[in-house]
Amino acid sequence: QATPLIAGLSVAAAALAGRYGIQAWQAFKARPPTARMRKFYEGGFQPKMTRREAALILGVRESTPADKVREAHRKVMVANHPDAGGSHYLASKINEAKDILLGKTKNSGSAF
């Protein structure tokens, strides 16, 4: 007599676990997509670019060696080049960021 009772409870437990699993999966699929890693600088530009802002724009640290800065500049520039549909303003900011991190900047600030 105990065997049908145990079998019934097992089937009920499996059904509840399945129902919970389906609800959890649907909730997981319905949630809005979020970026796992922020790759690019988000936010407006400062009036005079700092080394920190330049590093954020290129996605490197302020103390990154020159060859890594050039490599990061090339990657960001390929994605934002005016000939490929990017804006001239962003391209100038990316170039300015590279110049600041490489120490090639004059104290004149941005062209825009």
PDB file of N, CA and C in Angstrom:
ATOM      1  N   GLN A   1       0.806  -1.197   0.000  1.00  0.00           N
ATOM      2  CA  GLN A   1       0.000   0.000   0.000  1.00  0.00           C
ATOM      3  C   GLN A   1       0.854   1.269   0.000  1.00  0.00           C
ATOM      4  N   ALA A   2       2.044   1.189   0.505  1.00  0.00           N
ATOM      5  CA  ALA A   2       2.907   2.352   0.569  1.00  0.00           C
ATOM      6  C   ALA A   2       3.523   2.657  -0.790  1.00  0.00           C
ATOM      7  N   THR A   3       3.670   1.635  -1.643  1.00  0.00           N
ATOM      8  CA  THR A   3       4.310   1.818  -2.938  1.00  0.00           C
ATOM      9  C   THR A   3       3.526   2.784  -3.826  1.00  0.00           C
ATOM     10  N   PRO A   4       2.205   2.665  -3.972  1.00  0.00           N
ATOM     11  CA  PRO A   4       1.478   3.650  -4.797  1.00  0.00           C
ATOM     12  C   PRO A   4       1.552   5.070  -4.226  1.00  0.00           C
ATOM     13  N   LEU A   5       1.567   5.177  -2.901  1.00  0.00           N
ATOM     14  CA  LEU A   5       1.668   6.494  -2.275  1.00  0.00           C
ATOM     15  C   LEU A   5       3.025   7.130  -2.581  1.00  0.00           C
ATOM     16  N   ILE A   6       4.102   6.367  -2.472  1.00  0.00           N
ATOM     17  CA  ILE A   6       5.445   6.881  -2.760  1.00  0.00           C
ATOM     18  C   ILE A   6       5.566   7.237  -4.242  1.00  0.00           C
ATOM     19  N   ALA A   7       5.025   6.397  -5.097  1.00  0.00           N
ATOM     20  CA  ALA A   7       5.062   6.666  -6.542  1.00  0.00           C
ATOM     21  C   ALA A   7       4.282   7.940  -6.862  1.00  0.00           C
ATOM     22  N   GLY A   8       3.134   8.122  -6.240  1.00  0.00           N
ATOM     23  CA  GLY A   8       2.326   9.322  -6.461  1.00  0.00           C
ATOM     24  C   GLY A   8       3.046  10.582  -5.994  1.00  0.00           C
ATOM     25  N   LEU A   9       3.665  10.516  -4.830  1.00  0.00           N
ATOM     26  CA  LEU A   9       4.422  11.663  -4.322  1.00  0.00           C
ATOM     27  C   LEU A   9       5.629  11.971  -5.211  1.00  0.00           C
ATOM     28  N   SER A  10       6.276  10.923  -5.720  1.00  0.00           N
ATOM     29  CA  SER A  10       7.422  11.127  -6.623  1.00  0.00           C
ATOM     30  C   SER A  10       6.992  11.807  -7.904  1.00  0.00           C
ATOM     31  N   VAL A  11       5.868  11.380  -8.474  1.00  0.00           N
ATOM     32  CA  VAL A  11       5.353  12.001  -9.706  1.00  0.00           C
ATOM     33  C   VAL A  11       4.969  13.455  -9.433  1.00  0.00           C
ATOM     34  N   ALA A  12       4.342  13.728  -8.304  1.00  0.00           N
ATOM     35  CA  ALA A  12       3.955  15.093  -7.959  1.00  0.00           C
ATOM     36  C   ALA A  12       5.184  15.975  -7.763  1.00  0.00           C
ATOM     37  N   ALA A  13       6.204  15.442  -7.109  1.00  0.00           N
ATOM     38  CA  ALA A  13       7.437  16.212  -6.891  1.00  0.00           C
ATOM     39  C   ALA A  13       8.121  16.501  -8.217  1.00  0.00           C
ATOM     40  N   ALA A  14       8.155  15.503  -9.109  1.00  0.00           N
ATOM     41  CA  ALA A  14       8.768  15.710 -10.421  1.00  0.00           C
ATOM     42  C   ALA A  14       7.984  16.755 -11.220  1.00  0.00           C
ATOM     43  N   ALA A  15       6.672  16.731 -11.137  1.00  0.00           N
ATOM     44  CA  ALA A  15       5.840  17.704 -11.859  1.00  0.00           C
ATOM     45  C   ALA A  15       6.074  19.119 -11.323  1.00  0.00           C
ATOM     46  N   LEU A  16       6.144  19.256 -10.008  1.00  0.00           N
ATOM     47  CA  LEU A  16       6.390  20.581  -9.432  1.00  0.00           C
ATOM     48  C   LEU A  16       7.789  21.094  -9.781  1.00  0.00           C
ATOM     49  N   ALA A  17       8.776  20.206  -9.758  1.00  0.00           N
ATOM     50  CA  ALA A  17      10.133  20.612 -10.123  1.00  0.00           C
ATOM     51  C   ALA A  17      10.178  21.023 -11.596  1.00  0.00           C
ATOM     52  N   GLY A  18       9.508  20.286 -12.454  1.00  0.00           N
ATOM     53  CA  GLY A  18       9.449  20.643 -13.871  1.00  0.00           C
ATOM     54  C   GLY A  18       8.765  21.979 -14.087  1.00  0.00           C
ATOM     55  N   ARG A  19       7.665  22.190 -13.377  1.00  0.00           N
ATOM     56  CA  ARG A  19       6.945  23.461 -13.499  1.00  0.00           C
ATOM     57  C   ARG A  19       7.827  24.631 -13.055  1.00  0.00           C
ATOM     58  N   TYR A  20       8.523  24.457 -11.931  1.00  0.00           N
ATOM     59  CA  TYR A  20       9.419  25.492 -11.440  1.00  0.00           C
ATOM     60  C   TYR A  20      10.551  25.741 -12.438  1.00  0.00           C
ATOM     61  N   GLY A  21      11.093  24.684 -12.990  1.00  0.00           N
ATOM     62  CA  GLY A  21      12.170  24.818 -13.969  1.00  0.00           C
ATOM     63  C   GLY A  21      11.714  25.569 -15.214  1.00  0.00           C
ATOM     64  N   ILE A  22      10.530  25.263 -15.702  1.00  0.00           N
ATOM     65  CA  ILE A  22       9.996  25.960 -16.888  1.00  0.00           C
ATOM     66  C   ILE A  22       9.769  27.436 -16.578  1.00  0.00           C
ATOM     67  N   GLN A  23       9.200  27.745 -15.418  1.00  0.00           N
ATOM     68  CA  GLN A  23       8.983  29.146 -15.045  1.00  0.00           C
ATOM     69  C   GLN A  23      10.304  29.899 -14.904  1.00  0.00           C
ATOM     70  N   ALA A  24      11.298  29.250 -14.321  1.00  0.00           N
ATOM     71  CA  ALA A  24      12.598  29.892 -14.162  1.00  0.00           C
ATOM     72  C   ALA A  24      13.241  30.142 -15.522  1.00  0.00           C
ATOM     73  N   TRP A  25      13.126  29.201 -16.446  1.00  0.00           N
ATOM     74  CA  TRP A  25      13.696  29.365 -17.785  1.00  0.00           C
ATOM     75  C   TRP A  25      13.011  30.503 -18.543  1.00  0.00           C
ATOM     76  N   GLN A  26      11.687  30.575 -18.449  1.00  0.00           N
ATOM     77  CA  GLN A  26      10.956  31.649 -19.124  1.00  0.00           C
ATOM     78  C   GLN A  26      11.311  33.011 -18.535  1.00  0.00           C
ATOM     79  N   ALA A  27      11.480  33.083 -17.227  1.00  0.00           N
ATOM     80  CA  ALA A  27      11.885  34.344 -16.597  1.00  0.00           C
ATOM     81  C   ALA A  27      13.294  34.717 -17.029  1.00  0.00           C
ATOM     82  N   PHE A  28      14.175  33.736 -17.165  1.00  0.00           N
ATOM     83  CA  PHE A  28      15.540  33.999 -17.608  1.00  0.00           C
ATOM     84  C   PHE A  28      15.551  34.516 -19.047  1.00  0.00           C
ATOM     85  N   LYS A  29      14.752  33.927 -19.914  1.00  0.00           N
ATOM     86  CA  LYS A  29      14.698  34.357 -21.314  1.00  0.00           C
ATOM     87  C   LYS A  29      14.040  35.726 -21.465  1.00  0.00           C
ATOM     88  N   ALA A  30      13.111  36.064 -20.583  1.00  0.00           N
ATOM     89  CA  ALA A  30      12.364  37.313 -20.707  1.00  0.00           C
ATOM     90  C   ALA A  30      13.107  38.521 -20.154  1.00  0.00           C
ATOM     91  N   ARG A  31      14.147  38.303 -19.363  1.00  0.00           N
ATOM     92  CA  ARG A  31      14.858  39.448 -18.778  1.00  0.00           C
ATOM     93  C   ARG A  31      15.594  40.229 -19.863  1.00  0.00           C
ATOM     94  N   PRO A  32      15.714  41.521 -19.684  1.00  0.00           N
ATOM     95  CA  PRO A  32      16.392  42.331 -20.708  1.00  0.00           C
ATOM     96  C   PRO A  32      17.874  42.002 -20.775  1.00  0.00           C
ATOM     97  N   PRO A  33      18.440  42.052 -21.958  1.00  0.00           N
ATOM     98  CA  PRO A  33      19.867  41.741 -22.074  1.00  0.00           C
ATOM     99  C   PRO A  33      20.709  42.831 -21.426  1.00  0.00           C
ATOM    100  N   THR A  34      21.701  42.410 -20.693  1.00  0.00           N
ATOM    101  CA  THR A  34      22.614  43.357 -20.056  1.00  0.00           C
ATOM    102  C   THR A  34      24.026  43.036 -20.513  1.00  0.00           C
ATOM    103  N   ALA A  35      24.807  44.059 -20.645  1.00  0.00           N
ATOM    104  CA  ALA A  35      26.188  43.858 -21.054  1.00  0.00           C
ATOM    105  C   ALA A  35      26.965  43.255 -19.896  1.00  0.00           C
ATOM    106  N   ARG A  36      27.684  42.216 -20.174  1.00  0.00           N
ATOM    107  CA  ARG A  36      28.473  41.582 -19.128  1.00  0.00           C
ATOM    108  C   ARG A  36      29.742  42.364 -18.846  1.00  0.00           C
ATOM    109  N   MET A  37      30.239  43.015 -19.893  1.00  0.00           N
ATOM    110  CA  MET A  37      31.465  43.774 -19.732  1.00  0.00           C
ATOM    111  C   MET A  37      31.348  45.058 -20.541  1.00  0.00           C
ATOM    112  N   ARG A  38      31.597  46.168 -19.919  1.00  0.00           N
ATOM    113  CA  ARG A  38      31.548  47.437 -20.629  1.00  0.00           C
ATOM    114  C   ARG A  38      32.885  47.640 -21.325  1.00  0.00           C
ATOM    115  N   LYS A  39      32.873  47.677 -22.662  1.00  0.00           N
ATOM    116  CA  LYS A  39      34.119  47.742 -23.399  1.00  0.00           C
ATOM    117  C   LYS A  39      34.532  49.160 -23.739  1.00  0.00           C
ATOM    118  N   PHE A  40      33.582  50.035 -23.907  1.00  0.00           N
ATOM    119  CA  PHE A  40      33.906  51.369 -24.365  1.00  0.00           C
ATOM    120  C   PHE A  40      33.460  52.398 -23.344  1.00  0.00           C
ATOM    121  N   TYR A  41      34.040  53.550 -23.430  1.00  0.00           N
ATOM    122  CA  TYR A  41      33.760  54.659 -22.530  1.00  0.00           C
ATOM    123  C   TYR A  41      32.336  55.152 -22.746  1.00  0.00           C
ATOM    124  N   GLU A  42      31.595  55.273 -21.673  1.00  0.00           N
ATOM    125  CA  GLU A  42      30.233  55.783 -21.764  1.00  0.00           C
ATOM    126  C   GLU A  42      30.168  57.133 -21.069  1.00  0.00           C
ATOM    127  N   GLY A  43      29.609  58.112 -21.724  1.00  0.00           N
ATOM    128  CA  GLY A  43      29.456  59.412 -21.103  1.00  0.00           C
ATOM    129  C   GLY A  43      29.984  60.512 -21.983  1.00  0.00           C
ATOM    130  N   GLY A  44      29.745  61.738 -21.581  1.00  0.00           N
ATOM    131  CA  GLY A  44      30.189  62.886 -22.352  1.00  0.00           C
ATOM    132  C   GLY A  44      31.675  63.131 -22.182  1.00  0.00           C
ATOM    133  N   PHE A  45      32.183  64.043 -22.982  1.00  0.00           N
ATOM    134  CA  PHE A  45      33.600  64.373 -22.929  1.00  0.00           C
ATOM    135  C   PHE A  45      33.822  65.584 -22.043  1.00  0.00           C
ATOM    136  N   GLN A  46      34.978  65.614 -21.385  1.00  0.00           N
ATOM    137  CA  GLN A  46      35.342  66.756 -20.564  1.00  0.00           C
ATOM    138  C   GLN A  46      35.862  67.863 -21.483  1.00  0.00           C
ATOM    139  N   PRO A  47      35.787  69.128 -21.041  1.00  0.00           N
ATOM    140  CA  PRO A  47      36.263  70.231 -21.898  1.00  0.00           C
ATOM    141  C   PRO A  47      37.731  70.084 -22.292  1.00  0.00           C
ATOM    142  N   LYS A  48      38.576  69.677 -21.356  1.00  0.00           N
ATOM    143  CA  LYS A  48      39.987  69.417 -21.656  1.00  0.00           C
ATOM    144  C   LYS A  48      40.254  67.977 -21.272  1.00  0.00           C
ATOM    145  N   MET A  49      40.659  67.169 -22.232  1.00  0.00           N
ATOM    146  CA  MET A  49      40.825  65.733 -22.002  1.00  0.00           C
ATOM    147  C   MET A  49      41.972  65.461 -21.037  1.00  0.00           C
ATOM    148  N   THR A  50      41.711  64.587 -20.082  1.00  0.00           N
ATOM    149  CA  THR A  50      42.716  64.170 -19.114  1.00  0.00           C
ATOM    150  C   THR A  50      43.274  62.806 -19.520  1.00  0.00           C
ATOM    151  N   ARG A  51      44.349  62.395 -18.857  1.00  0.00           N
ATOM    152  CA  ARG A  51      44.912  61.064 -19.137  1.00  0.00           C
ATOM    153  C   ARG A  51      43.916  59.973 -18.776  1.00  0.00           C
ATOM    154  N   ARG A  52      43.155  60.192 -17.726  1.00  0.00           N
ATOM    155  CA  ARG A  52      42.156  59.205 -17.309  1.00  0.00           C
ATOM    156  C   ARG A  52      41.093  59.041 -18.383  1.00  0.00           C
ATOM    157  N   GLU A  53      40.582  60.157 -18.874  1.00  0.00           N
ATOM    158  CA  GLU A  53      39.557  60.095 -19.917  1.00  0.00           C
ATOM    159  C   GLU A  53      40.116  59.466 -21.191  1.00  0.00           C
ATOM    160  N   ALA A  54      41.345  59.803 -21.544  1.00  0.00           N
ATOM    161  CA  ALA A  54      41.964  59.224 -22.734  1.00  0.00           C
ATOM    162  C   ALA A  54      42.090  57.707 -22.589  1.00  0.00           C
ATOM    163  N   ALA A  55      42.473  57.253 -21.397  1.00  0.00           N
ATOM    164  CA  ALA A  55      42.587  55.812 -21.166  1.00  0.00           C
ATOM    165  C   ALA A  55      41.222  55.135 -21.242  1.00  0.00           C
ATOM    166  N   LEU A  56      40.200  55.788 -20.733  1.00  0.00           N
ATOM    167  CA  LEU A  56      38.846  55.225 -20.817  1.00  0.00           C
ATOM    168  C   LEU A  56      38.372  55.129 -22.260  1.00  0.00           C
ATOM    169  N   ILE A  57      38.653  56.126 -23.057  1.00  0.00           N
ATOM    170  CA  ILE A  57      38.229  56.124 -24.456  1.00  0.00           C
ATOM    171  C   ILE A  57      38.871  54.976 -25.217  1.00  0.00           C
ATOM    172  N   LEU A  58      40.151  54.755 -24.982  1.00  0.00           N
ATOM    173  CA  LEU A  58      40.861  53.698 -25.703  1.00  0.00           C
ATOM    174  C   LEU A  58      40.728  52.330 -25.037  1.00  0.00           C
ATOM    175  N   GLY A  59      40.209  52.295 -23.823  1.00  0.00           N
ATOM    176  CA  GLY A  59      40.021  51.019 -23.136  1.00  0.00           C
ATOM    177  C   GLY A  59      41.305  50.425 -22.606  1.00  0.00           C
ATOM    178  N   VAL A  60      42.225  51.273 -22.186  1.00  0.00           N
ATOM    179  CA  VAL A  60      43.500  50.810 -21.620  1.00  0.00           C
ATOM    180  C   VAL A  60      43.719  51.499 -20.275  1.00  0.00           C
ATOM    181  N   ARG A  61      44.782  51.097 -19.593  1.00  0.00           N
ATOM    182  CA  ARG A  61      45.161  51.779 -18.342  1.00  0.00           C
ATOM    183  C   ARG A  61      46.023  52.992 -18.680  1.00  0.00           C
ATOM    184  N   GLU A  62      46.117  53.914 -17.740  1.00  0.00           N
ATOM    185  CA  GLU A  62      46.926  55.118 -17.963  1.00  0.00           C
ATOM    186  C   GLU A  62      48.405  54.777 -18.109  1.00  0.00           C
ATOM    187  N   SER A  63      48.830  53.672 -17.508  1.00  0.00           N
ATOM    188  CA  SER A  63      50.247  53.311 -17.528  1.00  0.00           C
ATOM    189  C   SER A  63      50.579  52.292 -18.619  1.00  0.00           C
ATOM    190  N   THR A  64      49.711  52.139 -19.606  1.00  0.00           N
ATOM    191  CA  THR A  64      49.921  51.159 -20.676  1.00  0.00           C
ATOM    192  C   THR A  64      51.099  51.577 -21.557  1.00  0.00           C
ATOM    193  N   PRO A  65      51.928  50.624 -21.983  1.00  0.00           N
ATOM    194  CA  PRO A  65      53.052  50.958 -22.879  1.00  0.00           C
ATOM    195  C   PRO A  65      52.571  51.504 -24.225  1.00  0.00           C
ATOM    196  N   ALA A  66      53.456  52.221 -24.901  1.00  0.00           N
ATOM    197  CA  ALA A  66      53.095  52.915 -26.144  1.00  0.00           C
ATOM    198  C   ALA A  66      52.603  51.960 -27.224  1.00  0.00           C
ATOM    199  N   ASP A  67      53.202  50.786 -27.352  1.00  0.00           N
ATOM    200  CA  ASP A  67      52.768  49.869 -28.408  1.00  0.00           C
ATOM    201  C   ASP A  67      51.350  49.361 -28.165  1.00  0.00           C
ATOM    202  N   LYS A  68      50.976  49.155 -26.908  1.00  0.00           N
ATOM    203  CA  LYS A  68      49.610  48.725 -26.584  1.00  0.00           C
ATOM    204  C   LYS A  68      48.614  49.866 -26.803  1.00  0.00           C
ATOM    205  N   VAL A  69      49.048  51.104 -26.548  1.00  0.00           N
ATOM    206  CA  VAL A  69      48.189  52.263 -26.803  1.00  0.00           C
ATOM    207  C   VAL A  69      47.900  52.368 -28.294  1.00  0.00           C
ATOM    208  N   ARG A  70      48.939  52.197 -29.110  1.00  0.00           N
ATOM    209  CA  ARG A  70      48.750  52.265 -30.571  1.00  0.00           C
ATOM    210  C   ARG A  70      47.820  51.150 -31.056  1.00  0.00           C
ATOM    211  N   GLU A  71      47.974  49.964 -30.491  1.00  0.00           N
ATOM    212  CA  GLU A  71      47.127  48.832 -30.874  1.00  0.00           C
ATOM    213  C   GLU A  71      45.664  49.097 -30.487  1.00  0.00           C
ATOM    214  N   ALA A  72      45.449  49.611 -29.268  1.00  0.00           N
ATOM    215  CA  ALA A  72      44.092  49.932 -28.820  1.00  0.00           C
ATOM    216  C   ALA A  72      43.503  51.052 -29.675  1.00  0.00           C
ATOM    217  N   HIS A  73      44.322  52.050 -30.014  1.00  0.00           N
ATOM    218  CA  HIS A  73      43.860  53.161 -30.856  1.00  0.00           C
ATOM    219  C   HIS A  73      43.396  52.629 -32.205  1.00  0.00           C
ATOM    220  N   ARG A  74      44.172  51.719 -32.770  1.00  0.00           N
ATOM    221  CA  ARG A  74      43.826  51.173 -34.083  1.00  0.00           C
ATOM    222  C   ARG A  74      42.491  50.426 -34.026  1.00  0.00           C
ATOM    223  N   LYS A  75      42.279  49.623 -32.980  1.00  0.00           N
ATOM    224  CA  LYS A  75      41.030  48.859 -32.854  1.00  0.00           C
ATOM    225  C   LYS A  75      39.825  49.790 -32.717  1.00  0.00           C
ATOM    226  N   VAL A  76      39.942  50.808 -31.871  1.00  0.00           N
ATOM    227  CA  VAL A  76      38.823  51.726 -31.659  1.00  0.00           C
ATOM    228  C   VAL A  76      38.592  52.573 -32.907  1.00  0.00           C
ATOM    229  N   MET A  77      39.667  52.949 -33.581  1.00  0.00           N
ATOM    230  CA  MET A  77      39.540  53.779 -34.770  1.00  0.00           C
ATOM    231  C   MET A  77      38.909  53.006 -35.931  1.00  0.00           C
ATOM    232  N   VAL A  78      39.243  51.733 -36.061  1.00  0.00           N
ATOM    233  CA  VAL A  78      38.631  50.921 -37.115  1.00  0.00           C
ATOM    234  C   VAL A  78      37.115  50.877 -36.918  1.00  0.00           C
ATOM    235  N   ALA A  79      36.672  50.791 -35.676  1.00  0.00           N
ATOM    236  CA  ALA A  79      35.235  50.731 -35.396  1.00  0.00           C
ATOM    237  C   ALA A  79      34.541  52.075 -35.575  1.00  0.00           C
ATOM    238  N   ASN A  80      35.276  53.188 -35.489  1.00  0.00           N
ATOM    239  CA  ASN A  80      34.651  54.514 -35.508  1.00  0.00           C
ATOM    240  C   ASN A  80      35.187  55.423 -36.608  1.00  0.00           C
ATOM    241  N   HIS A  81      35.837  54.886 -37.607  1.00  0.00           N
ATOM    242  CA  HIS A  81      36.438  55.719 -38.643  1.00  0.00           C
ATOM    243  C   HIS A  81      35.363  56.387 -39.501  1.00  0.00           C
ATOM    244  N   PRO A  82      35.542  57.657 -39.857  1.00  0.00           N
ATOM    245  CA  PRO A  82      34.536  58.353 -40.676  1.00  0.00           C
ATOM    246  C   PRO A  82      34.291  57.693 -42.030  1.00  0.00           C
ATOM    247  N   ASP A  83      35.302  57.082 -42.619  1.00  0.00           N
ATOM    248  CA  ASP A  83      35.109  56.413 -43.903  1.00  0.00           C
ATOM    249  C   ASP A  83      34.243  55.163 -43.783  1.00  0.00           C
ATOM    250  N   ALA A  84      34.116  54.633 -42.568  1.00  0.00           N
ATOM    251  CA  ALA A  84      33.316  53.427 -42.340  1.00  0.00           C
ATOM    252  C   ALA A  84      31.994  53.758 -41.655  1.00  0.00           C
ATOM    253  N   GLY A  85      31.573  55.016 -41.717  1.00  0.00           N
ATOM    254  CA  GLY A  85      30.292  55.408 -41.131  1.00  0.00           C
ATOM    255  C   GLY A  85      30.378  56.032 -39.760  1.00  0.00           C
ATOM    256  N   GLY A  86      31.570  56.193 -39.215  1.00  0.00           N
ATOM    257  CA  GLY A  86      31.730  56.839 -37.915  1.00  0.00           C
ATOM    258  C   GLY A  86      31.713  58.354 -38.055  1.00  0.00           C
ATOM    259  N   SER A  87      31.802  59.042 -36.948  1.00  0.00           N
ATOM    260  CA  SER A  87      31.755  60.504 -37.007  1.00  0.00           C
ATOM    261  C   SER A  87      33.166  61.093 -36.932  1.00  0.00           C
ATOM    262  N   HIS A  88      33.312  62.249 -37.541  1.00  0.00           N
ATOM    263  CA  HIS A  88      34.592  62.950 -37.514  1.00  0.00           C
ATOM    264  C   HIS A  88      34.924  63.398 -36.093  1.00  0.00           C
ATOM    265  N   TYR A  89      33.892  63.781 -35.334  1.00  0.00           N
ATOM    266  CA  TYR A  89      34.102  64.235 -33.966  1.00  0.00           C
ATOM    267  C   TYR A  89      34.690  63.114 -33.107  1.00  0.00           C
ATOM    268  N   LEU A  90      34.092  61.916 -33.188  1.00  0.00           N
ATOM    269  CA  LEU A  90      34.612  60.801 -32.398  1.00  0.00           C
ATOM    270  C   LEU A  90      36.018  60.420 -32.840  1.00  0.00           C
ATOM    271  N   ALA A  91      36.269  60.462 -34.133  1.00  0.00           N
ATOM    272  CA  ALA A  91      37.608  60.138 -34.628  1.00  0.00           C
ATOM    273  C   ALA A  91      38.634  61.129 -34.078  1.00  0.00           C
ATOM    274  N   SER A  92      38.253  62.409 -34.019  1.00  0.00           N
ATOM    275  CA  SER A  92      39.194  63.394 -33.486  1.00  0.00           C
ATOM    276  C   SER A  92      39.437  63.172 -31.995  1.00  0.00           C
ATOM    277  N   LYS A  93      38.405  62.778 -31.260  1.00  0.00           N
ATOM    278  CA  LYS A  93      38.566  62.497 -29.829  1.00  0.00           C
ATOM    279  C   LYS A  93      39.432  61.259 -29.608  1.00  0.00           C
ATOM    280  N   ILE A  94      39.278  60.250 -30.456  1.00  0.00           N
ATOM    281  CA  ILE A  94      40.093  59.041 -30.341  1.00  0.00           C
ATOM    282  C   ILE A  94      41.555  59.375 -30.628  1.00  0.00           C
ATOM    283  N   ASN A  95      41.789  60.186 -31.650  1.00  0.00           N
ATOM    284  CA  ASN A  95      43.162  60.607 -31.967  1.00  0.00           C
ATOM    285  C   ASN A  95      43.746  61.454 -30.844  1.00  0.00           C
ATOM    286  N   GLU A  96      42.933  62.318 -30.279  1.00  0.00           N
ATOM    287  CA  GLU A  96      43.392  63.150 -29.166  1.00  0.00           C
ATOM    288  C   GLU A  96      43.757  62.284 -27.962  1.00  0.00           C
ATOM    289  N   ALA A  97      42.953  61.237 -27.705  1.00  0.00           N
ATOM    290  CA  ALA A  97      43.238  60.328 -26.596  1.00  0.00           C
ATOM    291  C   ALA A  97      44.576  59.625 -26.807  1.00  0.00           C
ATOM    292  N   LYS A  98      44.835  59.178 -28.032  1.00  0.00           N
ATOM    293  CA  LYS A  98      46.114  58.524 -28.327  1.00  0.00           C
ATOM    294  C   LYS A  98      47.268  59.494 -28.113  1.00  0.00           C
ATOM    295  N   ASP A  99      47.126  60.735 -28.609  1.00  0.00           N
ATOM    296  CA  ASP A  99      48.191  61.720 -28.464  1.00  0.00           C
ATOM    297  C   ASP A  99      48.485  62.023 -26.997  1.00  0.00           C
ATOM    298  N   ILE A 100      47.444  62.111 -26.187  1.00  0.00           N
ATOM    299  CA  ILE A 100      47.644  62.406 -24.768  1.00  0.00           C
ATOM    300  C   ILE A 100      48.378  61.258 -24.084  1.00  0.00           C
ATOM    301  N   LEU A 101      47.972  60.017 -24.373  1.00  0.00           N
ATOM    302  CA  LEU A 101      48.623  58.880 -23.717  1.00  0.00           C
ATOM    303  C   LEU A 101      50.049  58.667 -24.210  1.00  0.00           C
ATOM    304  N   LEU A 102      50.343  59.082 -25.439  1.00  0.00           N
ATOM    305  CA  LEU A 102      51.699  58.950 -25.955  1.00  0.00           C
ATOM    306  C   LEU A 102      52.552  60.178 -25.655  1.00  0.00           C
ATOM    307  N   GLY A 103      51.936  61.222 -25.066  1.00  0.00           N
ATOM    308  CA  GLY A 103      52.670  62.424 -24.701  1.00  0.00           C
ATOM    309  C   GLY A 103      52.961  63.331 -25.875  1.00  0.00           C
ATOM    310  N   LYS A 104      52.168  63.262 -26.924  1.00  0.00           N
ATOM    311  CA  LYS A 104      52.405  64.079 -28.117  1.00  0.00           C
ATOM    312  C   LYS A 104      51.443  65.256 -28.211  1.00  0.00           C
ATOM    313  N   THR A 105      50.825  65.629 -27.125  1.00  0.00           N
ATOM    314  CA  THR A 105      49.796  66.668 -27.187  1.00  0.00           C
ATOM    315  C   THR A 105      50.367  68.044 -26.886  1.00  0.00           C
ATOM    316  N   LYS A 106      49.763  69.042 -27.516  1.00  0.00           N
ATOM    317  CA  LYS A 106      50.057  70.427 -27.179  1.00  0.00           C
ATOM    318  C   LYS A 106      49.018  70.858 -26.144  1.00  0.00           C
ATOM    319  N   ASN A 107      49.222  71.908 -25.485  1.00  0.00           N
ATOM    320  CA  ASN A 107      48.284  72.353 -24.450  1.00  0.00           C
ATOM    321  C   ASN A 107      47.156  73.191 -25.036  1.00  0.00           C
ATOM    322  N   SER A 108      46.730  72.891 -26.241  1.00  0.00           N
ATOM    323  CA  SER A 108      45.701  73.708 -26.881  1.00  0.00           C
ATOM    324  C   SER A 108      44.296  73.160 -26.675  1.00  0.00           C
ATOM    325  N   GLY A 109      44.136  71.908 -26.218  1.00  0.00           N
ATOM    326  CA  GLY A 109      42.826  71.339 -26.042  1.00  0.00           C
ATOM    327  C   GLY A 109      42.264  70.778 -27.333  1.00  0.00           C
ATOM    328  N   SER A 110      40.996  70.454 -27.330  1.00  0.00           N
ATOM    329  CA  SER A 110      40.349  69.820 -28.467  1.00  0.00           C
ATOM    330  C   SER A 110      40.097  70.797 -29.596  1.00  0.00           C
ATOM    331  N   ALA A 111      40.039  70.286 -30.808  1.00  0.00           N
ATOM    332  CA  ALA A 111      39.724  71.126 -31.967  1.00  0.00           C
ATOM    333  C   ALA A 111      38.251  71.482 -32.001  1.00  0.00           C
ATOM    334  N   PHE A 112      37.419  70.728 -31.263  1.00  0.00           N
ATOM    335  CA  PHE A 112      35.977  70.983 -31.284  1.00  0.00           C
ATOM    336  C   PHE A 112      35.557  71.628 -30.004  1.00  0.00           C
TER     337      PHE A 112
END
